[in-house]
Protein backbone atom coordinates (compact mmCIF):
# COMPACT_ATOMS: atom_id res chain seq x y z
CA MET A 1 133.67 144.19 168.67
CA TYR A 2 133.47 140.40 168.44
CA ASP A 3 137.08 139.70 167.45
CA GLN A 4 138.07 137.82 170.60
CA ALA A 5 134.90 135.69 170.59
CA PHE A 6 135.20 135.02 166.85
CA ASN A 7 138.81 133.91 167.26
CA THR A 8 138.01 131.71 170.25
CA LEU A 9 135.08 130.06 168.48
CA GLU A 10 136.97 129.86 165.15
CA TYR A 11 133.94 131.57 163.63
CA HIS A 12 135.50 132.27 160.24
CA SER A 13 136.74 128.69 159.86
CA LEU A 14 133.33 127.31 160.81
CA ARG A 15 131.59 129.62 158.36
CA ALA A 16 133.97 128.49 155.59
CA LEU A 17 133.26 124.85 156.45
CA ILE A 18 129.50 125.41 156.27
CA ARG A 19 129.87 127.43 153.05
CA ARG A 20 131.42 124.41 151.33
CA GLY A 21 128.13 122.59 151.81
CA ALA A 22 126.03 125.37 150.27
CA GLN A 23 124.22 124.07 147.19
CA THR A 24 123.65 127.35 145.34
CA PRO A 25 125.46 130.61 144.66
CA THR A 26 122.70 132.36 146.59
CA GLY A 27 123.33 130.11 149.59
CA ARG A 28 127.04 130.83 149.46
CA ALA A 29 126.37 134.57 149.24
CA LEU A 30 124.07 134.39 152.26
CA LEU A 31 126.78 132.63 154.24
CA ASP A 32 129.29 135.28 153.22
CA ARG A 33 127.02 137.90 154.80
CA LEU A 34 126.36 135.85 157.93
CA ALA A 35 126.75 137.92 161.08
CA PRO A 36 125.72 137.56 164.72
CA PHE A 37 122.37 138.89 165.89
CA GLU A 38 122.43 142.16 167.74
CA ASP A 39 118.72 142.24 168.57
CA ARG A 40 117.62 139.69 171.15
CA GLU A 41 114.05 139.40 169.80
CA GLU A 42 115.32 138.70 166.27
CA LEU A 43 117.53 135.98 167.75
CA ARG A 44 114.59 134.42 169.59
CA HIS A 45 112.52 134.43 166.39
CA ALA A 46 115.34 132.77 164.44
CA LEU A 47 115.86 130.14 167.15
CA ARG A 48 112.13 129.30 167.09
CA ALA A 49 112.38 128.78 163.32
CA VAL A 50 115.42 126.53 163.74
CA SER A 51 113.63 124.60 166.48
CA GLU A 52 110.67 124.05 164.15
CA ALA A 53 112.97 122.87 161.35
CA VAL A 54 114.70 120.42 163.70
CA GLU A 55 111.34 119.06 164.84
CA LEU A 56 110.17 118.60 161.24
CA ARG A 57 113.44 116.88 160.38
CA GLY A 58 112.89 114.54 163.32
CA ARG A 59 109.48 113.66 161.86
CA GLY A 60 111.17 112.59 158.63
CA LEU A 61 110.79 115.71 156.51
CA HIS A 62 113.68 116.16 154.08
CA TRP A 63 114.13 119.05 151.72
CA SER A 64 116.69 120.29 149.26
CA PHE A 65 116.99 123.61 147.51
CA SER A 66 119.47 122.42 144.90
CA GLU A 67 116.84 122.26 142.15
CA LEU A 68 115.65 125.84 142.65
CA ALA A 69 116.81 128.45 140.19
CA ASP A 70 118.87 131.33 141.48
CA PRO A 71 116.43 134.28 141.63
CA THR A 72 119.18 136.93 141.71
CA ALA A 73 118.98 137.86 138.01
CA ASP A 74 115.17 137.99 138.10
CA ALA A 75 115.26 140.21 141.17
CA ARG A 76 117.69 142.59 139.47
CA SER A 77 115.45 142.75 136.39
CA ALA A 78 112.42 143.50 138.53
CA SER A 79 114.33 146.20 140.39
CA VAL A 80 115.32 147.88 137.12
CA MET A 81 111.73 147.69 135.84
CA LEU A 82 110.42 149.38 138.98
CA ARG A 83 112.69 152.41 138.59
């Protein structure tokens, strides 16, 4: 569906480049599942969030998620407990 656009934009190469900067296994997994938006309203919502993050960054806000624990194991445990 998007093959021609992905090839033109070198989508897979760009995603691999961004993935190298991911600080956690969870971040890398999220990038592996990255896909284009199909719903226009979801895209608008995401772009508003990015716009807000850019504005906060311009005001001097800096954040890092490298010190956060990976919640994957805890989420799996909770899922098993709920069954």
